[in-house]
N, C-alpha and C. Protein backbone atom coordinates (compact mmCIF):
# COMPACT_ATOMS: atom_id res chain seq x y z
N MET A 1 -3.50 3.66 15.53
CA MET A 1 -4.10 3.54 14.52
C MET A 1 -3.67 2.31 13.66
N LYS A 2 -4.22 1.45 13.29
CA LYS A 2 -3.73 0.42 12.27
C LYS A 2 -4.15 0.96 10.83
N LEU A 3 -3.27 0.88 9.86
CA LEU A 3 -3.56 1.07 8.55
C LEU A 3 -3.41 -0.30 7.86
N TYR A 4 -4.25 -0.70 6.93
CA TYR A 4 -4.36 -1.58 5.91
C TYR A 4 -4.20 -1.06 4.47
N LEU A 5 -3.56 -1.51 3.71
CA LEU A 5 -3.64 -1.12 2.27
C LEU A 5 -3.47 -2.20 1.28
N ASP A 6 -4.24 -2.36 0.28
CA ASP A 6 -4.40 -3.25 -0.81
C ASP A 6 -4.69 -2.68 -1.95
N THR A 7 -3.45 -2.81 -2.99
CA THR A 7 -3.23 -2.09 -4.03
C THR A 7 -3.12 -3.26 -5.26
N SER A 8 -3.36 -4.71 -4.75
CA SER A 8 -3.26 -5.48 -5.56
C SER A 8 -3.95 -5.80 -6.81
N THR A 9 -5.16 -5.06 -6.71
CA THR A 9 -6.21 -4.99 -7.99
C THR A 9 -6.53 -3.54 -8.15
N PRO A 10 -7.26 -3.49 -9.44
CA PRO A 10 -7.58 -2.19 -9.81
C PRO A 10 -8.38 -1.27 -8.66
N GLU A 11 -8.97 -2.02 -7.76
CA GLU A 11 -9.72 -1.08 -6.57
C GLU A 11 -8.71 -1.17 -5.64
N THR A 12 -8.44 -0.07 -4.93
CA THR A 12 -7.41 0.09 -4.15
C THR A 12 -8.46 0.02 -2.90
N ILE A 13 -7.89 -0.69 -1.63
CA ILE A 13 -8.62 -0.70 -0.47
C ILE A 13 -7.90 -0.04 0.59
N LEU A 14 -8.26 1.03 1.37
CA LEU A 14 -7.42 1.25 2.61
C LEU A 14 -8.52 1.26 3.84
N THR A 15 -7.98 0.63 4.78
CA THR A 15 -8.80 0.75 6.07
C THR A 15 -7.95 1.22 7.16
N LEU A 16 -8.48 2.30 7.83
CA LEU A 16 -7.95 2.74 8.93
C LEU A 16 -8.94 2.41 10.24
N ASP A 17 -8.27 1.39 11.18
CA ASP A 17 -8.86 0.61 12.20
C ASP A 17 -9.91 -0.06 11.66
N ASN A 18 -11.45 0.34 11.97
CA ASN A 18 -12.27 -0.38 11.41
C ASN A 18 -12.97 0.44 10.11
N LYS A 19 -12.46 1.32 9.63
CA LYS A 19 -13.25 1.96 8.22
C LYS A 19 -12.67 1.68 7.12
N GLU A 20 -13.39 1.26 6.25
CA GLU A 20 -12.81 0.64 4.87
C GLU A 20 -13.17 1.81 3.91
N TYR A 21 -12.22 2.04 3.13
CA TYR A 21 -12.48 3.00 1.81
C TYR A 21 -12.14 2.25 0.63
N LYS A 22 -12.72 2.38 -0.59
CA LYS A 22 -12.15 1.65 -1.62
C LYS A 22 -12.27 3.10 -2.73
N TYR A 23 -11.27 2.96 -3.63
CA TYR A 23 -11.10 3.78 -4.51
C TYR A 23 -10.61 3.32 -6.09
N TYR A 24 -10.86 3.72 -6.88
CA TYR A 24 -10.50 3.18 -8.18
C TYR A 24 -9.62 4.33 -8.97
N PHE A 25 -8.42 4.21 -9.05
CA PHE A 25 -7.41 5.18 -9.34
C PHE A 25 -6.99 5.16 -10.81
N ASP A 26 -7.48 4.23 -11.35
CA ASP A 26 -7.24 3.87 -12.81
C ASP A 26 -5.69 3.92 -13.02
N LYS A 27 -4.95 4.99 -13.95
CA LYS A 27 -3.74 5.07 -14.20
C LYS A 27 -3.14 6.18 -13.27
N ASP A 28 -3.84 6.73 -11.99
CA ASP A 28 -3.29 7.65 -11.32
C ASP A 28 -2.88 7.20 -9.88
N LEU A 29 -2.60 6.18 -9.88
CA LEU A 29 -2.20 5.46 -8.47
C LEU A 29 -1.16 6.14 -7.78
N ALA A 30 0.11 6.42 -8.76
CA ALA A 30 1.08 6.55 -8.07
C ALA A 30 1.26 8.20 -7.76
N GLU A 31 0.37 8.85 -8.53
CA GLU A 31 0.40 10.22 -8.21
C GLU A 31 -0.67 10.59 -7.20
N LYS A 32 -1.83 9.80 -6.85
CA LYS A 32 -2.88 10.29 -5.83
C LYS A 32 -2.99 9.41 -4.47
N LEU A 33 -2.48 8.17 -4.53
CA LEU A 33 -2.20 7.35 -3.24
C LEU A 33 -2.07 8.06 -2.00
N LEU A 34 -0.88 8.46 -2.04
CA LEU A 34 -0.41 9.24 -0.61
C LEU A 34 -1.48 10.41 -0.34
N GLY A 35 -1.99 11.34 -1.24
CA GLY A 35 -2.91 12.19 -0.92
C GLY A 35 -4.09 11.42 -0.65
N PHE A 36 -4.82 10.21 -1.06
CA PHE A 36 -5.66 9.83 -0.63
C PHE A 36 -5.74 9.34 1.09
N ILE A 37 -4.65 8.74 0.96
CA ILE A 37 -4.43 8.07 2.57
C ILE A 37 -4.26 9.51 3.58
N HIS A 38 -3.87 10.59 3.07
CA HIS A 38 -3.82 11.79 3.89
C HIS A 38 -5.07 12.27 4.10
N GLU A 39 -5.98 12.56 3.14
CA GLU A 39 -7.49 12.84 3.16
C GLU A 39 -8.22 12.26 3.97
N LYS A 40 -7.86 10.96 4.03
CA LYS A 40 -9.08 9.90 4.99
C LYS A 40 -8.29 9.95 6.56
N LEU A 41 -7.45 10.08 6.75
CA LEU A 41 -6.71 10.47 7.98
C LEU A 41 -7.35 11.63 8.43
N GLN A 42 -7.30 12.71 7.71
CA GLN A 42 -7.87 13.98 8.10
C GLN A 42 -9.44 13.87 8.26
N GLU A 43 -10.03 12.84 7.60
CA GLU A 43 -11.67 12.91 7.83
C GLU A 43 -11.81 12.31 9.02
N ASN A 44 -10.73 11.64 9.54
CA ASN A 44 -10.96 10.83 10.95
C ASN A 44 -10.20 11.61 12.10
N GLY A 45 -10.11 12.72 11.53
CA GLY A 45 -9.16 13.68 13.04
C GLY A 45 -7.86 12.99 13.09
N LYS A 46 -7.05 12.35 12.18
CA LYS A 46 -5.88 11.85 12.65
C LYS A 46 -4.83 12.54 11.93
N THR A 47 -3.81 12.14 12.23
CA THR A 47 -2.34 12.81 11.62
C THR A 47 -1.78 11.35 11.21
N TRP A 48 -0.45 11.81 10.23
CA TRP A 48 0.37 10.37 10.28
C TRP A 48 0.99 9.91 11.31
N GLN A 49 1.14 10.65 12.13
CA GLN A 49 2.02 9.85 13.78
C GLN A 49 1.01 9.29 14.39
N ASP A 50 -0.39 9.28 14.11
CA ASP A 50 -1.50 8.32 14.73
C ASP A 50 -1.36 7.11 14.15
N ILE A 51 -0.64 6.61 13.11
CA ILE A 51 -0.61 5.47 12.79
C ILE A 51 0.32 4.73 13.48
N SER A 52 0.02 3.50 14.14
CA SER A 52 0.90 2.71 14.90
C SER A 52 1.39 1.51 14.33
N GLU A 53 0.69 1.15 13.20
CA GLU A 53 1.34 -0.21 12.47
C GLU A 53 0.55 -0.26 11.00
N ILE A 54 1.52 -0.81 10.16
CA ILE A 54 1.01 -0.62 8.87
C ILE A 54 0.89 -2.27 8.24
N HIS A 55 -0.25 -2.62 7.69
CA HIS A 55 -0.32 -3.97 7.15
C HIS A 55 -0.69 -3.77 5.37
N PHE A 56 -0.10 -4.75 4.70
CA PHE A 56 -0.17 -4.58 3.32
C PHE A 56 -0.56 -5.79 2.46
N MET A 57 -1.35 -5.89 1.63
CA MET A 57 -1.74 -6.96 0.70
C MET A 57 -0.64 -7.15 0.05
N SER A 58 0.63 -8.09 0.06
CA SER A 58 1.77 -7.98 -0.64
C SER A 58 1.50 -8.92 -1.91
N GLY A 59 0.57 -9.45 -2.08
CA GLY A 59 0.39 -10.22 -3.31
C GLY A 59 0.00 -11.34 -3.03
N PRO A 60 -0.35 -12.29 -4.18
CA PRO A 60 -0.32 -11.84 -5.66
C PRO A 60 -1.05 -10.72 -6.34
N GLY A 61 -0.78 -10.06 -7.24
CA GLY A 61 -1.40 -9.08 -7.66
C GLY A 61 -1.07 -8.52 -8.82
N SER A 62 -1.52 -7.12 -8.99
CA SER A 62 -0.99 -6.56 -10.14
C SER A 62 0.51 -5.74 -9.99
N PHE A 63 1.46 -6.19 -10.93
CA PHE A 63 2.75 -5.66 -10.69
C PHE A 63 2.71 -4.21 -10.38
N THR A 64 2.32 -3.30 -11.03
CA THR A 64 2.41 -1.86 -10.88
C THR A 64 1.87 -1.46 -9.79
N GLY A 65 0.41 -1.87 -9.23
CA GLY A 65 -0.44 -1.59 -8.18
C GLY A 65 0.52 -2.21 -6.85
N LEU A 66 1.05 -3.12 -6.73
CA LEU A 66 2.13 -3.75 -5.73
C LEU A 66 3.13 -2.85 -5.58
N ARG A 67 3.96 -2.52 -6.80
CA ARG A 67 5.02 -1.79 -6.64
C ARG A 67 4.88 -0.63 -6.00
N ILE A 68 3.67 0.43 -6.41
CA ILE A 68 3.45 1.74 -5.81
C ILE A 68 3.15 1.23 -4.25
N GLY A 69 2.21 0.68 -4.29
CA GLY A 69 1.78 0.50 -3.01
C GLY A 69 2.84 0.00 -2.00
N ALA A 70 3.90 -1.02 -2.11
CA ALA A 70 5.13 -1.32 -1.40
C ALA A 70 5.83 -0.11 -1.30
N ALA A 71 6.23 0.86 -2.14
CA ALA A 71 7.08 1.87 -1.97
C ALA A 71 6.34 2.65 -1.02
N ILE A 72 5.09 3.10 -1.26
CA ILE A 72 4.59 4.07 -0.09
C ILE A 72 4.62 3.40 1.43
N ILE A 73 4.13 2.28 1.36
CA ILE A 73 4.05 1.57 2.77
C ILE A 73 5.40 1.60 3.50
N ASN A 74 6.36 1.01 2.89
CA ASN A 74 7.67 0.72 2.83
C ASN A 74 8.39 2.23 3.41
N THR A 75 7.95 2.96 2.58
CA THR A 75 8.40 4.58 2.85
C THR A 75 7.74 5.04 4.35
N LEU A 76 6.36 4.97 4.73
CA LEU A 76 5.72 5.49 5.66
C LEU A 76 6.39 4.65 6.79
N ALA A 77 6.30 3.34 7.12
CA ALA A 77 7.08 2.54 7.97
C ALA A 77 8.25 3.22 8.39
N HIS A 78 9.06 3.13 7.59
CA HIS A 78 10.50 3.47 7.80
C HIS A 78 10.50 4.95 8.51
N GLU A 79 9.83 6.02 7.79
CA GLU A 79 9.91 7.36 8.30
C GLU A 79 9.39 7.57 9.60
N LEU A 80 7.82 6.69 9.94
CA LEU A 80 7.49 7.05 10.95
C LEU A 80 7.65 6.15 12.13
N ASN A 81 8.61 4.92 11.80
CA ASN A 81 9.23 4.24 12.61
C ASN A 81 8.39 3.42 13.15
N ILE A 82 7.36 2.71 12.67
CA ILE A 82 6.22 1.90 12.98
C ILE A 82 6.50 0.21 12.35
N PRO A 83 6.08 -0.62 13.03
CA PRO A 83 6.12 -1.87 12.24
C PRO A 83 5.07 -1.92 11.04
N LEU A 84 5.69 -3.10 10.28
CA LEU A 84 5.07 -3.12 8.91
C LEU A 84 4.87 -4.63 8.87
N TYR A 85 3.54 -5.07 8.50
CA TYR A 85 3.05 -6.56 8.31
C TYR A 85 2.61 -6.58 6.78
N ASP A 86 2.76 -8.14 6.52
CA ASP A 86 2.32 -8.54 5.04
C ASP A 86 0.58 -8.82 5.46
N HIS A 87 -0.01 -9.36 4.55
CA HIS A 87 -1.34 -9.51 4.87
C HIS A 87 -1.78 -10.81 5.56
N ARG A 88 -0.73 -11.55 5.93
CA ARG A 88 -0.61 -12.86 6.56
C ARG A 88 -0.38 -12.70 8.09
N GLY A 89 0.17 -11.29 8.40
CA GLY A 89 0.42 -10.96 9.86
C GLY A 89 1.90 -11.01 10.01
N GLN A 90 2.49 -11.52 8.91
CA GLN A 90 4.21 -11.65 9.40
C GLN A 90 4.86 -10.36 9.18
N LYS A 91 5.74 -9.73 10.46
CA LYS A 91 6.38 -8.69 10.53
C LYS A 91 7.54 -8.61 9.71
N HIS A 92 7.76 -7.46 8.85
CA HIS A 92 9.02 -7.34 8.16
C HIS A 92 9.72 -6.15 7.99
N PRO A 93 10.97 -5.90 7.90
CA PRO A 93 11.55 -4.67 7.93
C PRO A 93 11.30 -3.73 6.81
N ILE A 94 10.99 -4.58 5.63
CA ILE A 94 10.26 -3.90 4.18
C ILE A 94 9.41 -5.12 3.55
N ILE A 95 8.85 -4.82 2.80
CA ILE A 95 7.71 -5.22 2.21
C ILE A 95 8.38 -5.50 0.59
N ILE A 96 8.49 -7.01 0.15
CA ILE A 96 8.94 -7.24 -1.11
C ILE A 96 7.61 -7.87 -1.70
N PRO A 97 7.30 -7.03 -2.97
CA PRO A 97 5.81 -7.75 -3.32
C PRO A 97 5.94 -9.07 -3.83
N ASP A 98 5.05 -9.81 -3.90
CA ASP A 98 4.57 -11.39 -4.46
C ASP A 98 4.04 -10.99 -5.82
N TYR A 99 4.49 -11.08 -6.72
CA TYR A 99 3.73 -10.92 -7.99
C TYR A 99 2.85 -11.90 -8.63
N GLY A 100 3.33 -13.41 -7.99
CA GLY A 100 2.39 -14.48 -8.20
C GLY A 100 3.04 -15.03 -9.46
N ARG A 101 3.92 -14.30 -10.23
CA ARG A 101 4.69 -15.12 -11.41
C ARG A 101 5.79 -14.07 -11.69
N PRO A 102 7.08 -14.48 -12.74
CA PRO A 102 8.04 -13.69 -13.13
C PRO A 102 7.25 -12.40 -13.77
N ALA A 103 7.90 -11.53 -13.70
CA ALA A 103 7.58 -10.22 -14.50
C ALA A 103 7.75 -10.65 -15.80
N ASN A 104 6.97 -9.98 -16.80
CA ASN A 104 6.75 -10.19 -18.08
C ASN A 104 7.34 -8.93 -19.04
N ILE A 105 8.62 -9.04 -19.22
CA ILE A 105 9.45 -8.00 -19.70
C ILE A 105 9.94 -8.20 -21.24
N SER A 106 9.36 -7.38 -21.95
CA SER A 106 9.34 -7.55 -23.25
C SER A 106 10.95 -7.38 -23.70
N GLN A 107 11.05 -8.00 -25.10
CA GLN A 107 12.62 -7.89 -25.67
C GLN A 107 12.77 -6.20 -26.00
N PRO A 108 14.01 -5.73 -26.13
CA PRO A 108 14.20 -4.44 -26.85
C PRO A 108 14.16 -4.38 -28.33
N LYS A 109 13.59 -3.12 -28.88
CA LYS A 109 13.18 -3.23 -30.30
C LYS A 109 14.44 -3.21 -31.17
N LYS A 110 15.63 -2.67 -30.33
CA LYS A 110 16.91 -2.70 -31.19
C LYS A 110 17.74 -3.79 -30.61
């Protein structure tokens, strides 16, 4: 089963083979994304071991969304020992998000 994940926008897109699911996590992405993926696998009668490859929208997009999504898919690909691809179809050992611009880091107050 091919898993595709896009966390680059406020609306997360998960595709399992040809079934697409969309969900707006707001500020709960880090807390709920893994459970959401697991729930959709179960709805399709599948387990983590049924995932044969992962594709990820690596950016540009939301800094936080891409960081959370990349952490999850990198971990899944590593632990399940399956191939990992960016949204262009290029295979990677790990996905490094493309934020589209440098991070906007504020100066310390002290």
